[in-house]
Amino acid sequence: MTTLKKNQMVKIIHKTLQGKYSKKKSIEVVEAVLEIMKRSLENGEDVLISGFGKFCVKEKKERTGRNPSNGEKIILDKRRVVTFKCSGKLRKKINSK
């Protein structure tokens, strides 16, 4: 299993657009897209990318948990988490291989 890193995304964009964007511009595009997504999620907004999937912010309630080192009960604070649900098109592509 490999991980797609941000700098690899920049290289792929630069290569895919066959030099129409400079490497610097490709970096700016990736950074801008990620910044838009981060701000939206931070504001509690979902991010839907058609044909790819949907990033959603979910509220987790306060709950009781256990300290793994000593087994004591602890209260876990409420928090927000980001979930991802892939689109039907992406699911189909993933499962076709």
C-alpha atoms as a PDB file:
ATOM      1  CA  MET A   1       0.000   0.000   0.000  1.00  0.00           C
ATOM      2  CA  THR A   2       1.311   3.443  -0.893  1.00  0.00           C
ATOM      3  CA  THR A   3       0.323   6.953   0.111  1.00  0.00           C
ATOM      4  CA  LEU A   4      -0.279   9.795  -2.322  1.00  0.00           C
ATOM      5  CA  LYS A   5       1.563  12.803  -0.920  1.00  0.00           C
ATOM      6  CA  LYS A   6       0.929  16.457  -1.633  1.00  0.00           C
ATOM      7  CA  ASN A   7       4.161  16.901  -3.581  1.00  0.00           C
ATOM      8  CA  GLN A   8       3.226  13.886  -5.730  1.00  0.00           C
ATOM      9  CA  MET A   9      -0.142  15.515  -6.462  1.00  0.00           C
ATOM     10  CA  VAL A  10       1.704  18.638  -7.620  1.00  0.00           C
ATOM     11  CA  LYS A  11       3.912  16.587  -9.952  1.00  0.00           C
ATOM     12  CA  ILE A  12       0.890  14.741 -11.382  1.00  0.00           C
ATOM     13  CA  ILE A  13      -0.991  18.008 -12.012  1.00  0.00           C
ATOM     14  CA  HIS A  14       2.067  19.546 -13.640  1.00  0.00           C
ATOM     15  CA  LYS A  15       2.587  16.474 -15.838  1.00  0.00           C
ATOM     16  CA  THR A  16      -1.121  16.022 -16.677  1.00  0.00           C
ATOM     17  CA  LEU A  17      -1.447  19.628 -17.821  1.00  0.00           C
ATOM     18  CA  GLN A  18       1.700  19.155 -19.923  1.00  0.00           C
ATOM     19  CA  GLY A  19       3.455  22.238 -18.608  1.00  0.00           C
ATOM     20  CA  LYS A  20       0.486  24.617 -18.998  1.00  0.00           C
ATOM     21  CA  TYR A  21       0.993  25.406 -15.311  1.00  0.00           C
ATOM     22  CA  SER A  22       4.423  26.019 -13.911  1.00  0.00           C
ATOM     23  CA  LYS A  23       5.451  23.889 -10.980  1.00  0.00           C
ATOM     24  CA  LYS A  24       4.889  26.911  -8.729  1.00  0.00           C
ATOM     25  CA  LYS A  25       1.363  27.396 -10.104  1.00  0.00           C
ATOM     26  CA  SER A  26       0.633  23.681  -9.642  1.00  0.00           C
ATOM     27  CA  ILE A  27       1.665  24.012  -5.981  1.00  0.00           C
ATOM     28  CA  GLU A  28      -0.640  27.027  -5.610  1.00  0.00           C
ATOM     29  CA  VAL A  29      -3.572  25.088  -7.105  1.00  0.00           C
ATOM     30  CA  VAL A  30      -3.124  22.124  -4.744  1.00  0.00           C
ATOM     31  CA  GLU A  31      -2.682  24.418  -1.731  1.00  0.00           C
ATOM     32  CA  ALA A  32      -5.760  26.475  -2.688  1.00  0.00           C
ATOM     33  CA  VAL A  33      -7.996  23.421  -3.093  1.00  0.00           C
ATOM     34  CA  LEU A  34      -6.864  21.950   0.226  1.00  0.00           C
ATOM     35  CA  GLU A  35      -7.299  25.314   1.982  1.00  0.00           C
ATOM     36  CA  ILE A  36     -10.865  25.649   0.653  1.00  0.00           C
ATOM     37  CA  MET A  37     -11.646  22.151   1.910  1.00  0.00           C
ATOM     38  CA  LYS A  38     -10.083  22.800   5.328  1.00  0.00           C
ATOM     39  CA  ARG A  39     -11.992  26.053   5.822  1.00  0.00           C
ATOM     40  CA  SER A  40     -15.292  24.494   4.789  1.00  0.00           C
ATOM     41  CA  LEU A  41     -14.855  21.534   7.128  1.00  0.00           C
ATOM     42  CA  GLU A  42     -13.697  23.808   9.947  1.00  0.00           C
ATOM     43  CA  ASN A  43     -16.960  25.763   9.532  1.00  0.00           C
ATOM     44  CA  GLY A  44     -18.957  22.529   9.763  1.00  0.00           C
ATOM     45  CA  GLU A  45     -19.787  22.466   6.043  1.00  0.00           C
ATOM     46  CA  ASP A  46     -19.704  19.273   4.004  1.00  0.00           C
ATOM     47  CA  VAL A  47     -17.435  19.117   0.961  1.00  0.00           C
ATOM     48  CA  LEU A  48     -18.944  17.295  -2.019  1.00  0.00           C
ATOM     49  CA  ILE A  49     -16.692  16.531  -4.980  1.00  0.00           C
ATOM     50  CA  SER A  50     -18.880  15.159  -7.745  1.00  0.00           C
ATOM     51  CA  GLY A  51     -17.702  11.776  -8.998  1.00  0.00           C
ATOM     52  CA  PHE A  52     -15.308  11.423  -6.051  1.00  0.00           C
ATOM     53  CA  GLY A  53     -17.141  11.608  -2.737  1.00  0.00           C
ATOM     54  CA  LYS A  54     -18.299  13.641   0.214  1.00  0.00           C
ATOM     55  CA  PHE A  55     -16.360  14.769   3.284  1.00  0.00           C
ATOM     56  CA  CYS A  56     -18.708  15.348   6.233  1.00  0.00           C
ATOM     57  CA  VAL A  57     -18.207  16.812   9.696  1.00  0.00           C
ATOM     58  CA  LYS A  58     -19.882  14.670  12.357  1.00  0.00           C
ATOM     59  CA  GLU A  59     -20.486  15.619  15.981  1.00  0.00           C
ATOM     60  CA  LYS A  60     -19.395  13.017  18.524  1.00  0.00           C
ATOM     61  CA  LYS A  61     -21.127  13.240  21.909  1.00  0.00           C
ATOM     62  CA  GLU A  62     -19.329  13.087  25.230  1.00  0.00           C
ATOM     63  CA  ARG A  63     -18.954   9.447  26.210  1.00  0.00           C
ATOM     64  CA  THR A  64     -17.409   7.098  28.705  1.00  0.00           C
ATOM     65  CA  GLY A  65     -14.208   5.347  27.695  1.00  0.00           C
ATOM     66  CA  ARG A  66     -11.373   3.423  29.292  1.00  0.00           C
ATOM     67  CA  ASN A  67      -7.762   4.302  29.856  1.00  0.00           C
ATOM     68  CA  PRO A  68      -5.944   1.450  28.036  1.00  0.00           C
ATOM     69  CA  SER A  69      -2.970   1.479  30.402  1.00  0.00           C
ATOM     70  CA  ASN A  70      -4.891   0.985  33.655  1.00  0.00           C
ATOM     71  CA  GLY A  71      -8.501   0.218  32.654  1.00  0.00           C
ATOM     72  CA  GLU A  72      -9.938   3.213  34.552  1.00  0.00           C
ATOM     73  CA  LYS A  73     -13.125   4.774  33.239  1.00  0.00           C
ATOM     74  CA  ILE A  74     -12.646   8.241  31.768  1.00  0.00           C
ATOM     75  CA  ILE A  75     -14.949  10.769  30.153  1.00  0.00           C
ATOM     76  CA  LEU A  76     -14.102  11.493  26.518  1.00  0.00           C
ATOM     77  CA  ASP A  77     -15.001  15.048  25.503  1.00  0.00           C
ATOM     78  CA  LYS A  78     -17.405  15.774  22.698  1.00  0.00           C
ATOM     79  CA  ARG A  79     -15.602  16.424  19.432  1.00  0.00           C
ATOM     80  CA  ARG A  80     -16.017  16.799  15.714  1.00  0.00           C
ATOM     81  CA  VAL A  81     -14.626  14.280  13.242  1.00  0.00           C
ATOM     82  CA  VAL A  82     -14.403  14.193   9.466  1.00  0.00           C
ATOM     83  CA  THR A  83     -15.831  11.215   7.627  1.00  0.00           C
ATOM     84  CA  PHE A  84     -15.629  10.342   3.942  1.00  0.00           C
ATOM     85  CA  LYS A  85     -18.190   8.569   1.799  1.00  0.00           C
ATOM     86  CA  CYS A  86     -17.089   7.761  -1.728  1.00  0.00           C
ATOM     87  CA  SER A  87     -19.356   8.329  -4.694  1.00  0.00           C
ATOM     88  CA  GLY A  88     -20.967   5.481  -6.589  1.00  0.00           C
ATOM     89  CA  LYS A  89     -18.667   6.168  -9.558  1.00  0.00           C
ATOM     90  CA  LEU A  90     -15.537   5.913  -7.403  1.00  0.00           C
ATOM     91  CA  ARG A  91     -16.842   2.810  -5.638  1.00  0.00           C
ATOM     92  CA  LYS A  92     -17.467   1.198  -9.015  1.00  0.00           C
ATOM     93  CA  LYS A  93     -13.913   2.013 -10.201  1.00  0.00           C
ATOM     94  CA  ILE A  94     -12.361   0.710  -6.988  1.00  0.00           C
ATOM     95  CA  ASN A  95     -14.296  -2.557  -7.167  1.00  0.00           C
ATOM     96  CA  SER A  96     -13.700  -3.127 -10.897  1.00  0.00           C
ATOM     97  CA  LYS A  97     -10.033  -4.039 -10.371  1.00  0.00           C
END
